[in-house]
Amino acid sequence: QVQLVESGGGLVQPGGSLRLSCAASGSFFSINVMGWYRQAPGKQRDLVARITRAGTTNYADSVKGRFTISRDNAKNTVYLQMNSLKPEDTAVYYCNVKGYDLRYERWGQGTQVTVSS
């Protein structure tokens, strides 16, 4: 009964910026970790960034210094600010949340990010 609604994807030129949002609603479990994964055509789904409820963050090496993950616990929303975008960032980006109870995990529907001139 948890729904994750993603927004903010789109087409952007190299060097541009996008901000992704993911809002969780109808949750029946306590959310600990919120994160973003991405999957390019023919590739595996990889972690981009994650953030715990306490604010601890982790980033993939490929996005360090360019992307920033943040969250608003009152709104049950996680954000991904993406700057200095590269064509290699083109992928479907998926929001992911995990509860303190590790039985609970949910995925968003995915939002397309295309970086192209």
Protein backbone atom coordinates (compact mmCIF):
# COMPACT_ATOMS: atom_id res chain seq x y z
CA GLN A 1 0.00 0.00 0.00
CA VAL A 2 3.07 2.23 -0.21
CA GLN A 3 3.29 4.33 -3.31
CA LEU A 4 6.39 6.15 -4.51
CA VAL A 5 5.76 8.94 -6.97
CA GLU A 6 8.77 10.17 -8.90
CA SER A 7 9.06 13.40 -10.79
CA GLY A 8 11.66 15.69 -12.32
CA GLY A 9 13.08 13.63 -15.14
CA GLY A 10 13.42 14.89 -18.66
CA LEU A 11 15.76 15.91 -21.42
CA VAL A 12 18.69 18.13 -20.58
CA GLN A 13 21.84 19.27 -22.35
CA PRO A 14 25.28 18.18 -21.18
CA GLY A 15 26.37 20.37 -18.31
CA GLY A 16 22.80 21.05 -17.31
CA SER A 17 20.93 20.22 -14.13
CA LEU A 18 17.85 18.34 -13.04
CA ARG A 19 16.26 17.74 -9.68
CA LEU A 20 14.45 14.47 -9.08
CA SER A 21 11.86 14.06 -6.37
CA CYS A 22 10.29 10.96 -4.89
CA ALA A 23 7.41 11.19 -2.46
CA ALA A 24 6.26 8.22 -0.42
CA SER A 25 2.65 7.98 0.65
CA GLY A 26 0.45 5.41 2.30
CA SER A 27 3.38 3.84 4.12
CA PHE A 28 2.80 1.16 6.73
CA PHE A 29 6.44 0.86 7.71
CA SER A 30 9.10 3.18 9.07
CA ILE A 31 11.48 4.29 6.34
CA ASN A 32 15.18 4.21 7.09
CA VAL A 33 17.04 4.38 3.79
CA MET A 34 15.96 6.31 0.72
CA GLY A 35 17.97 6.16 -2.43
CA TRP A 36 18.21 6.49 -6.16
CA TYR A 37 19.26 3.82 -8.62
CA ARG A 38 19.61 4.05 -12.35
CA GLN A 39 19.51 1.63 -15.23
CA ALA A 40 20.70 2.37 -18.75
CA PRO A 41 19.62 0.23 -21.71
CA GLY A 42 21.39 -3.12 -21.61
CA LYS A 43 22.97 -2.35 -18.23
CA GLN A 44 22.34 -3.46 -14.69
CA ARG A 45 20.57 -1.30 -12.17
CA ASP A 46 23.17 0.49 -10.07
CA LEU A 47 23.05 2.58 -6.92
CA VAL A 48 23.48 6.29 -7.55
CA ALA A 49 23.06 7.67 -4.05
CA ARG A 50 21.45 6.80 -0.75
CA ILE A 51 20.65 8.58 2.47
CA THR A 52 19.63 7.26 5.86
CA ARG A 53 17.04 8.85 8.08
CA ALA A 54 19.88 10.20 10.19
CA GLY A 55 21.40 11.90 7.16
CA THR A 56 24.32 9.63 6.30
CA THR A 57 24.95 9.66 2.55
CA ASN A 58 26.72 7.48 0.03
CA TYR A 59 27.36 8.14 -3.64
CA ALA A 60 28.54 6.17 -6.60
CA ASP A 61 32.03 7.23 -7.62
CA SER A 62 30.72 8.31 -11.01
CA VAL A 63 28.48 11.01 -9.51
CA LYS A 64 30.50 12.25 -6.55
CA GLY A 65 30.85 16.00 -6.59
CA ARG A 66 28.04 16.39 -9.11
CA PHE A 67 24.95 14.89 -7.47
CA THR A 68 23.50 15.64 -4.05
CA ILE A 69 20.90 13.54 -2.29
CA SER A 70 18.70 15.00 0.42
CA ARG A 71 15.44 14.22 2.15
CA ASP A 72 12.61 15.85 3.98
CA ASN A 73 11.41 13.39 6.59
CA ALA A 74 8.31 15.41 7.39
CA LYS A 75 7.24 15.07 3.77
CA ASN A 76 8.58 11.54 3.27
CA THR A 77 10.35 12.84 0.21
CA VAL A 78 13.82 12.25 -1.17
CA TYR A 79 15.52 14.46 -3.73
CA LEU A 80 18.41 14.07 -6.10
CA GLN A 81 20.00 17.27 -7.34
CA MET A 82 21.97 16.45 -10.47
CA ASN A 83 24.45 19.02 -11.74
CA SER A 84 27.03 18.96 -14.51
CA LEU A 85 25.12 16.21 -16.23
CA LYS A 86 26.90 14.02 -18.74
CA PRO A 87 25.56 11.82 -21.54
CA GLU A 88 26.71 8.84 -19.46
CA ASP A 89 24.09 9.81 -16.86
CA THR A 90 21.32 8.93 -19.30
CA ALA A 91 19.18 6.23 -17.71
CA VAL A 92 15.91 5.46 -16.05
CA TYR A 93 16.20 6.60 -12.45
CA TYR A 94 14.36 4.64 -9.78
CA CYS A 95 13.54 5.73 -6.27
CA ASN A 96 14.00 3.11 -3.57
CA VAL A 97 13.02 3.06 0.08
CA LYS A 98 13.86 0.54 2.77
CA GLY A 99 12.36 0.20 6.21
CA TYR A 100 14.12 -0.48 9.47
CA ASP A 101 12.45 -3.84 9.07
CA LEU A 102 14.36 -5.12 6.04
CA ARG A 103 11.37 -7.08 4.84
CA TYR A 104 10.01 -3.80 3.56
CA GLU A 105 11.35 -2.33 0.37
CA ARG A 106 9.61 -0.37 -2.35
CA TRP A 107 10.52 0.94 -5.77
CA GLY A 108 9.25 3.90 -7.70
CA GLN A 109 8.00 3.64 -11.25
CA GLY A 110 11.14 5.12 -12.76
CA THR A 111 11.71 8.42 -14.47
CA GLN A 112 13.69 8.91 -17.66
CA VAL A 113 16.71 11.20 -17.62
CA THR A 114 18.24 11.90 -21.00
CA VAL A 115 21.39 13.99 -21.35
CA SER A 116 21.97 14.91 -24.96
CA SER A 117 22.88 17.86 -27.10
